[in-house]
Amino acid sequence: MTVYDELVARGLIAQVTDEEEIKELVNNGKATFYIGFDPTADSLHVGHFMALCLMKRLQMAGNKPIALIGGGTAMIGDPSGRTDMRQMMTQETIQHNCDCFKEQMSKFIDFSDGKALMVNNADWLLGLNYVEVLREVGACFSVNNMLRAECYKQRMEKGLSFLEFNYMIMQSYDFYSLYQKYGCNMQFGGDDQWSNMLGGTELIRKKLGKDAYAMTITLLLNSEGKKMGKTQSGAVWLDPKKTSPFEFYQYWRNVDDADVLKCIRMLTFLPLEEIEKMDSWEGSQLNQAKEILAFELTKLVHGEEEATKAQESARALFTGGNAENMPTTTLTTADFNDEGKIGILDIMVKAELVSSKAEARRNVQQGGVTVNDEKVTEPVTFYEKSAFDNDFIIKRGKKNFRKIVVE
């Protein structure tokens, strides 16, 4: 099976331009490709996971990845997939976020000896002269065609600023610059990026001629992958300070039955032959598949030792044992009232299992909260300090756990 055929078999390809040329480049290790990452936070999340795994997979086949950090485009904000305008960030915040990405990406991509590049589009975008840009590339874009792009159409009713309207031109200019600076001949992106990506392909061909190599490929579930990064309690980050290895493991351990094999196929590096044997799995076997998925992805992000700890803790928790590696919240004397007690609602807020006491109350009333596997039925339940002398494990639903201790 060729590299390209495997990408298709794993469900990673949605649309392409010049498929035969793309196959030639990818299969023979001749692709220098880029994927962009907008530094809108100080950590990558699981919505970026598919792109990182794809870069690793293609690099293993001899192709050269370019991780493009959008330090320049982040000054504008991508309207794709959004119903409102992104919050503007300072250059200092953007640079801090860019720096945080580097360490995380290095776990997936080998940047040594020029095997991969990490570049920031601020290096060429922020120094551009507006009039020169208009003269150089403005004539290559049709406003009529731009307004037909899905990323703009969905914003027209609520209002699309001229600031955001320029995003397609800036992203296209990225591909144009990367092609000239680094010989980048291929770009990957989510299916919500198709219009922006085609803009870059057309810009290269109009400026440099029809023979210029400029390919685009979209990832089938990249936009769905962004949704993977959200849970009821917030984003699932790759930074262990934001999402612990245990929480990361639990997130993947609790994916829907219908999604587990799809995730294994797309995100892990297990052989397809091994995955195909799982296609007939059902019932309790799907739980085994979820453990495989959770372990493989946690190992990839946090290392095998942390993945093993997370798996052992999850199994211990399931069997009623002591999950010593579970995320822990520490209470202090100030958290208890004058009678030396603390309420279940306050515990849930303190443990960040909910965002407010009102949400905590609803969870209790709906029967979704347990302490040491016993359901909490009353929102006015209180606990003395002695209740925390032994394990105090609070659960909200099936996916959110905390061990509570007293300082």
Protein backbone atom coordinates (compact mmCIF):
# COMPACT_ATOMS: atom_id res chain seq x y z
CA MET A 1 0.00 0.00 0.00
CA THR A 2 1.39 3.41 -0.95
CA VAL A 3 1.60 6.31 1.49
CA TYR A 4 -1.26 8.10 -0.25
CA ASP A 5 -3.41 4.96 -0.33
CA GLU A 6 -2.89 4.60 3.42
CA LEU A 7 -4.01 8.20 4.01
CA VAL A 8 -7.18 7.41 2.09
CA ALA A 9 -7.69 4.09 3.88
CA ARG A 10 -7.37 5.83 7.25
CA GLY A 11 -10.08 8.32 6.26
CA LEU A 12 -7.82 11.36 6.21
CA ILE A 13 -8.40 12.72 2.71
CA ALA A 14 -11.53 14.64 1.71
CA GLN A 15 -10.64 16.70 -1.36
CA VAL A 16 -7.54 17.18 -3.48
CA THR A 17 -6.35 19.07 -6.50
CA ASP A 18 -4.11 17.31 -9.06
CA GLU A 19 -4.41 13.92 -7.40
CA GLU A 20 -1.87 12.16 -9.63
CA GLU A 21 0.78 14.81 -8.94
CA ILE A 22 0.03 14.64 -5.23
CA LYS A 23 0.44 10.86 -5.26
CA GLU A 24 3.79 11.20 -7.06
CA LEU A 25 5.13 13.68 -4.50
CA VAL A 26 3.81 12.02 -1.34
CA ASN A 27 4.61 8.43 -2.29
CA ASN A 28 8.18 9.26 -3.27
CA GLY A 29 9.03 11.55 -0.37
CA LYS A 30 9.15 14.64 -2.58
CA ALA A 31 6.51 16.69 -0.81
CA THR A 32 7.48 19.77 1.17
CA PHE A 33 4.17 20.54 2.80
CA TYR A 34 2.84 22.93 5.38
CA ILE A 35 0.04 23.02 7.90
CA GLY A 36 -0.84 26.24 9.70
CA PHE A 37 -1.46 26.69 13.41
CA ASP A 38 -2.97 29.92 14.70
CA PRO A 39 -1.54 30.72 18.16
CA THR A 40 -4.85 31.66 19.78
CA ALA A 41 -3.92 29.92 23.07
CA ASP A 42 -0.73 28.95 24.89
CA SER A 43 -1.23 25.25 24.19
CA LEU A 44 -2.29 23.01 21.35
CA HIS A 45 -5.41 20.91 21.97
CA VAL A 46 -6.80 17.66 20.61
CA GLY A 47 -8.37 19.56 17.74
CA HIS A 48 -4.80 19.90 16.40
CA PHE A 49 -4.06 16.24 17.00
CA MET A 50 -4.94 15.00 13.55
CA ALA A 51 -2.73 17.55 11.83
CA LEU A 52 0.23 16.68 14.08
CA CYS A 53 -0.21 12.95 13.49
CA LEU A 54 -0.45 13.52 9.74
CA MET A 55 2.79 15.53 9.77
CA LYS A 56 4.51 12.76 11.69
CA ARG A 57 3.15 10.10 9.33
CA LEU A 58 4.29 11.92 6.19
CA GLN A 59 7.69 12.74 7.66
CA MET A 60 8.22 9.06 8.41
CA ALA A 61 7.66 8.47 4.67
CA GLY A 62 10.47 10.88 3.77
CA ASN A 63 8.46 14.05 3.18
CA LYS A 64 9.39 17.41 4.74
CA PRO A 65 6.89 19.16 7.05
CA ILE A 66 6.69 22.88 7.63
CA ALA A 67 4.83 23.89 10.77
CA LEU A 68 3.61 27.39 10.03
CA ILE A 69 2.84 29.40 13.14
CA GLY A 70 0.32 32.11 12.32
CA GLY A 71 1.88 34.96 14.27
CA GLY A 72 0.89 37.35 11.49
CA THR A 73 -2.53 35.99 10.55
CA ALA A 74 -3.44 35.82 14.24
CA MET A 75 -3.34 39.62 14.19
CA ILE A 76 -6.38 39.42 11.88
CA GLY A 77 -8.28 36.27 12.83
CA ASP A 78 -9.73 33.53 10.65
CA PRO A 79 -13.52 33.91 10.10
CA SER A 80 -13.84 30.24 9.02
CA GLY A 81 -16.25 28.30 11.20
CA ARG A 82 -17.04 31.29 13.40
CA THR A 83 -20.17 33.33 13.99
CA ASP A 84 -18.38 36.25 15.62
CA MET A 85 -15.10 38.12 15.35
CA ARG A 86 -12.09 36.70 17.14
CA GLN A 87 -10.67 38.57 20.11
CA MET A 88 -7.70 40.69 19.11
CA MET A 89 -4.39 39.72 20.74
CA THR A 90 -1.25 41.71 21.37
CA GLN A 91 2.02 40.81 19.65
CA GLU A 92 3.46 39.83 23.04
CA THR A 93 0.65 37.34 23.68
CA ILE A 94 0.94 35.90 20.19
CA GLN A 95 4.71 35.44 20.58
CA HIS A 96 4.26 33.73 23.95
CA ASN A 97 1.76 31.31 22.43
CA CYS A 98 4.08 30.62 19.50
CA ASP A 99 6.89 29.74 21.91
CA CYS A 100 4.62 27.33 23.78
CA PHE A 101 3.76 25.47 20.56
CA LYS A 102 7.37 24.65 19.75
CA GLU A 103 7.99 22.20 22.59
CA GLN A 104 4.69 20.39 22.06
CA MET A 105 5.21 20.00 18.32
CA SER A 106 8.68 18.55 18.85
CA LYS A 107 7.05 15.45 20.34
CA PHE A 108 5.54 14.68 16.95
CA ILE A 109 7.94 16.19 14.43
CA ASP A 110 11.71 15.80 14.11
CA PHE A 111 13.13 19.28 13.49
CA SER A 112 16.77 18.19 13.63
CA ASP A 113 19.15 18.58 10.68
CA GLY A 114 16.59 20.41 8.54
CA LYS A 115 14.20 17.44 8.46
CA ALA A 116 11.35 19.83 9.23
CA LEU A 117 10.91 23.56 9.59
CA MET A 118 9.00 25.76 11.98
CA VAL A 119 8.36 29.24 10.63
CA ASN A 120 6.24 32.21 11.64
CA ASN A 121 4.29 34.11 9.00
CA ALA A 122 4.81 37.29 11.03
CA ASP A 123 8.31 37.28 9.51
CA TRP A 124 6.92 38.25 6.10
CA LEU A 125 3.40 39.51 6.74
CA LEU A 126 4.08 42.21 9.32
CA GLY A 127 6.67 43.94 7.15
CA LEU A 128 4.52 44.15 4.03
CA ASN A 129 3.62 47.49 2.51
CA TYR A 130 -0.11 47.72 1.95
CA VAL A 131 0.06 49.40 -1.43
CA GLU A 132 2.70 46.94 -2.64
CA VAL A 133 0.51 44.00 -1.60
CA LEU A 134 -2.44 45.45 -3.48
CA ARG A 135 -0.34 45.86 -6.60
CA GLU A 136 1.35 42.46 -6.32
CA VAL A 137 -1.53 40.15 -5.46
CA GLY A 138 -4.74 42.22 -5.35
CA ALA A 139 -5.51 41.67 -9.01
CA CYS A 140 -5.29 37.88 -8.54
CA PHE A 141 -8.42 37.77 -6.35
CA SER A 142 -12.02 38.16 -7.49
CA VAL A 143 -14.24 39.73 -4.84
CA ASN A 144 -17.22 37.92 -6.39
CA ASN A 145 -15.49 34.57 -5.95
CA MET A 146 -14.39 35.43 -2.43
CA LEU A 147 -17.94 36.26 -1.37
CA ARG A 148 -19.10 32.88 -2.64
CA ALA A 149 -16.66 31.14 -0.28
CA GLU A 150 -18.44 29.30 2.53
CA CYS A 151 -16.24 30.88 5.21
CA TYR A 152 -17.57 34.32 4.23
CA LYS A 153 -21.15 33.41 3.32
CA GLN A 154 -21.94 32.23 6.85
CA ARG A 155 -20.79 35.56 8.27
CA MET A 156 -22.52 37.93 5.87
CA GLU A 157 -25.81 38.06 7.78
CA LYS A 158 -24.24 38.98 11.11
CA GLY A 159 -21.56 41.13 9.59
CA LEU A 160 -18.09 40.51 8.18
CA SER A 161 -15.43 43.11 8.90
CA PHE A 162 -13.01 44.22 6.21
CA LEU A 163 -10.28 43.13 8.60
CA GLU A 164 -11.41 39.51 8.41
CA PHE A 165 -12.18 39.77 4.71
CA ASN A 166 -8.43 40.05 4.14
CA TYR A 167 -7.72 36.71 5.82
CA MET A 168 -7.99 34.67 2.62
CA ILE A 169 -5.48 36.93 0.90
CA MET A 170 -3.07 36.64 3.83
CA GLN A 171 -3.33 32.85 4.00
CA SER A 172 -2.87 32.63 0.25
CA TYR A 173 0.19 34.87 0.54
CA ASP A 174 1.59 32.39 3.08
CA PHE A 175 1.59 29.56 0.54
CA TYR A 176 3.01 31.91 -2.09
CA SER A 177 5.85 32.92 0.27
CA LEU A 178 6.55 29.37 1.47
CA TYR A 179 6.72 28.16 -2.12
CA GLN A 180 9.32 30.78 -2.99
CA LYS A 181 11.33 30.63 0.25
CA TYR A 182 11.35 26.90 0.99
CA GLY A 183 10.09 25.12 -2.12
CA CYS A 184 6.83 24.25 -0.37
CA ASN A 185 4.71 22.45 -2.96
CA MET A 186 1.80 21.22 -0.91
CA GLN A 187 -0.58 22.48 1.77
CA PHE A 188 -2.88 20.58 4.12
CA GLY A 189 -5.82 21.96 6.04
CA GLY A 190 -9.29 21.24 7.35
CA ASP A 191 -12.31 20.97 5.13
CA ASP A 192 -13.37 24.40 6.42
CA GLN A 193 -10.18 25.83 4.88
CA TRP A 194 -10.82 24.71 1.31
CA SER A 195 -11.58 28.18 -0.10
CA ASN A 196 -8.54 29.75 1.58
CA MET A 197 -6.31 26.95 0.33
CA LEU A 198 -7.53 27.19 -3.24
CA GLY A 199 -6.76 30.91 -3.06
CA GLY A 200 -3.12 30.10 -2.34
CA THR A 201 -2.91 27.54 -5.14
CA GLU A 202 -4.37 29.97 -7.66
CA LEU A 203 -2.13 32.82 -6.50
CA ILE A 204 1.00 30.74 -7.13
CA ARG A 205 -0.17 29.66 -10.55
CA LYS A 206 -1.18 33.16 -11.61
CA LYS A 207 2.05 34.74 -10.39
CA LEU A 208 4.50 31.98 -11.25
CA GLY A 209 2.86 30.15 -14.12
CA LYS A 210 0.71 27.07 -14.62
CA ASP A 211 3.68 24.74 -14.30
CA ALA A 212 4.30 25.78 -10.71
CA TYR A 213 3.68 22.91 -8.32
CA ALA A 214 0.99 23.97 -5.89
CA MET A 215 -1.21 21.28 -4.44
CA THR A 216 -3.94 21.30 -1.83
CA ILE A 217 -5.30 18.49 0.29
CA THR A 218 -7.93 18.78 2.99
CA LEU A 219 -8.29 16.52 5.99
CA LEU A 220 -11.67 14.84 6.12
CA LEU A 221 -12.35 15.40 9.80
CA ASN A 222 -10.12 18.31 10.72
CA SER A 223 -13.11 20.55 11.42
CA GLU A 224 -14.64 17.68 13.41
CA GLY A 225 -11.28 17.33 15.09
CA LYS A 226 -11.62 20.86 16.38
CA LYS A 227 -14.87 19.79 18.03
CA MET A 228 -12.96 16.90 19.62
CA GLY A 229 -11.04 19.51 21.58
CA LYS A 230 -14.11 20.56 23.57
CA THR A 231 -15.80 18.78 26.44
CA GLN A 232 -18.39 19.85 28.95
CA SER A 233 -15.66 21.06 31.30
CA GLY A 234 -13.58 22.88 28.66
CA ALA A 235 -10.83 22.16 26.19
CA VAL A 236 -8.64 19.04 26.20
CA TRP A 237 -5.13 20.44 25.96
CA LEU A 238 -1.85 18.74 25.07
CA ASP A 239 -0.11 20.69 27.84
CA PRO A 240 -0.10 18.46 30.96
CA LYS A 241 -0.42 21.57 33.15
CA LYS A 242 -3.79 22.27 31.57
CA THR A 243 -5.03 18.70 31.01
CA SER A 244 -3.34 16.02 33.08
CA PRO A 245 -2.29 12.73 31.46
CA PHE A 246 -5.08 11.04 33.43
CA GLU A 247 -7.71 13.47 32.13
CA PHE A 248 -6.30 13.13 28.62
CA TYR A 249 -6.50 9.33 28.87
CA GLN A 250 -10.04 9.48 30.25
CA TYR A 251 -11.16 11.73 27.43
CA TRP A 252 -10.21 9.15 24.81
CA ARG A 253 -11.34 6.24 27.01
CA ASN A 254 -14.83 7.69 26.94
CA VAL A 255 -15.31 8.39 23.24
CA ASP A 256 -18.58 7.19 21.75
CA ASP A 257 -18.77 3.59 20.61
CA ALA A 258 -19.44 4.78 17.07
CA ASP A 259 -16.23 6.85 17.00
CA VAL A 260 -13.63 4.64 18.64
CA LEU A 261 -12.50 2.64 15.59
CA LYS A 262 -12.57 5.75 13.43
CA CYS A 263 -10.27 7.49 15.92
CA ILE A 264 -7.94 4.48 16.11
CA ARG A 265 -7.70 4.41 12.33
CA MET A 266 -7.07 8.13 11.93
CA LEU A 267 -4.98 9.02 14.96
CA THR A 268 -2.89 6.03 15.98
CA PHE A 269 0.05 4.42 14.23
CA LEU A 270 -1.22 0.88 14.66
CA PRO A 271 -1.06 -1.17 11.42
CA LEU A 272 -4.23 -1.09 9.36
CA GLU A 273 -4.29 -4.90 9.33
CA GLU A 274 -4.53 -4.90 13.12
CA ILE A 275 -7.24 -2.23 13.10
CA GLU A 276 -9.29 -4.08 10.49
CA LYS A 277 -9.55 -7.04 12.87
CA MET A 278 -11.32 -4.73 15.32
CA ASP A 279 -14.06 -3.83 12.82
CA SER A 280 -16.17 -6.76 14.02
CA TRP A 281 -15.72 -5.91 17.70
CA GLU A 282 -18.80 -5.05 19.71
CA GLY A 283 -20.00 -4.86 23.28
CA SER A 284 -17.22 -5.27 25.84
CA GLN A 285 -14.67 -5.53 23.05
CA LEU A 286 -15.32 -1.86 22.23
CA ASN A 287 -14.21 -1.01 25.76
CA GLN A 288 -10.96 -2.81 25.01
CA ALA A 289 -10.65 -0.77 21.80
CA LYS A 290 -11.18 2.42 23.81
CA GLU A 291 -8.37 1.44 26.17
CA ILE A 292 -6.10 0.83 23.20
CA LEU A 293 -7.00 4.24 21.74
CA ALA A 294 -6.53 6.06 25.05
CA PHE A 295 -3.20 4.38 25.80
CA GLU A 296 -1.73 4.92 22.32
CA LEU A 297 -2.63 8.62 22.19
CA THR A 298 -1.57 9.33 25.77
CA LYS A 299 1.74 7.60 25.07
CA LEU A 300 2.22 9.73 21.98
CA VAL A 301 1.62 13.01 23.83
CA HIS A 302 2.88 12.30 27.35
CA GLY A 303 5.17 9.27 27.01
CA GLU A 304 4.72 5.59 27.84
CA GLU A 305 5.32 5.98 31.57
CA GLU A 306 2.53 8.54 32.01
CA ALA A 307 0.24 6.53 29.74
CA THR A 308 0.77 3.44 31.90
CA LYS A 309 0.07 5.41 35.09
CA ALA A 310 -3.10 6.86 33.60
CA GLN A 311 -4.32 3.45 32.46
CA GLU A 312 -3.64 1.88 35.85
CA SER A 313 -5.45 4.71 37.63
CA ALA A 314 -8.44 4.48 35.31
CA ARG A 315 -8.71 0.74 35.84
CA ALA A 316 -8.35 1.13 39.60
CA LEU A 317 -11.06 3.75 39.61
CA PHE A 318 -13.37 1.50 37.61
CA THR A 319 -12.85 -1.41 40.01
CA GLY A 320 -13.16 0.73 43.13
CA GLY A 321 -9.44 0.74 43.87
CA ASN A 322 -7.16 3.63 44.77
CA ALA A 323 -6.45 5.82 41.76
CA GLU A 324 -3.31 7.52 43.06
CA ASN A 325 -2.51 9.28 39.79
CA MET A 326 -5.92 10.86 39.46
CA PRO A 327 -6.09 14.69 39.23
CA THR A 328 -6.26 16.05 42.75
CA THR A 329 -7.83 19.15 44.26
CA THR A 330 -6.54 20.37 47.61
CA LEU A 331 -8.85 22.08 50.08
CA THR A 332 -7.59 24.49 52.72
CA THR A 333 -9.04 25.50 56.07
CA ALA A 334 -10.46 28.63 54.43
CA ASP A 335 -12.68 26.46 52.21
CA PHE A 336 -14.63 25.15 55.25
CA ASN A 337 -17.38 27.10 57.01
CA ASP A 338 -17.41 28.12 60.67
CA GLU A 339 -18.74 24.69 61.60
CA GLY A 340 -15.79 23.00 59.90
CA LYS A 341 -17.86 21.70 56.99
CA ILE A 342 -17.94 22.14 53.22
CA GLY A 343 -20.87 21.58 50.86
CA ILE A 344 -20.92 19.31 47.84
CA LEU A 345 -21.63 22.29 45.56
CA ASP A 346 -18.58 24.17 46.81
CA ILE A 347 -16.42 21.05 46.37
CA MET A 348 -17.52 20.72 42.74
CA VAL A 349 -16.73 24.35 41.98
CA LYS A 350 -13.39 24.18 43.80
CA ALA A 351 -12.49 21.03 41.84
CA GLU A 352 -13.44 22.79 38.56
CA LEU A 353 -15.93 20.06 37.72
CA VAL A 354 -18.47 22.81 37.07
CA SER A 355 -18.30 26.53 36.42
CA SER A 356 -20.87 27.60 39.02
CA LYS A 357 -22.84 26.40 42.04
CA ALA A 358 -26.01 26.60 39.96
CA GLU A 359 -24.54 24.10 37.49
CA ALA A 360 -23.40 21.92 40.39
CA ARG A 361 -26.91 21.95 41.85
CA ARG A 362 -28.42 20.83 38.54
CA ASN A 363 -25.93 17.97 38.29
CA VAL A 364 -26.77 16.74 41.78
CA GLN A 365 -30.52 17.02 41.22
CA GLN A 366 -30.18 15.09 37.95
CA GLY A 367 -28.37 12.24 39.70
CA GLY A 368 -25.04 12.81 37.98
CA VAL A 369 -22.77 13.18 41.03
CA THR A 370 -21.22 10.47 43.20
CA VAL A 371 -18.75 10.45 46.07
CA ASN A 372 -16.82 7.21 46.48
CA ASP A 373 -19.33 5.59 44.08
CA GLU A 374 -22.33 6.59 46.21
CA LYS A 375 -24.81 8.90 44.54
CA VAL A 376 -25.26 12.32 46.12
CA THR A 377 -28.98 13.07 46.14
CA GLU A 378 -29.20 16.37 48.06
CA PRO A 379 -27.56 19.67 46.99
CA VAL A 380 -27.30 20.62 50.69
CA THR A 381 -24.99 17.68 51.51
CA PHE A 382 -22.06 18.74 53.72
CA TYR A 383 -18.81 17.02 54.73
CA GLU A 384 -16.56 17.45 57.75
CA LYS A 385 -12.77 17.45 57.46
CA SER A 386 -12.60 13.87 58.70
CA ALA A 387 -14.40 12.74 55.53
CA PHE A 388 -11.20 13.44 53.62
CA ASP A 389 -8.90 11.37 55.84
CA ASN A 390 -9.29 8.48 53.38
CA ASP A 391 -9.86 8.53 49.63
CA PHE A 392 -12.55 11.03 48.64
CA ILE A 393 -13.31 10.53 44.94
CA ILE A 394 -15.97 12.75 43.41
CA LYS A 395 -17.36 12.04 39.95
CA ARG A 396 -19.52 14.16 37.68
CA GLY A 397 -21.01 11.97 35.00
CA LYS A 398 -18.80 9.28 33.49
CA LYS A 399 -15.88 11.39 32.32
CA ASN A 400 -15.01 13.84 35.11
CA PHE A 401 -13.22 12.73 38.27
CA ARG A 402 -11.33 14.41 41.08
CA LYS A 403 -9.61 13.18 44.20
CA ILE A 404 -10.15 15.66 47.05
CA VAL A 405 -7.62 16.08 49.85
CA VAL A 406 -7.25 18.57 52.69
CA GLU A 407 -4.06 20.54 53.18
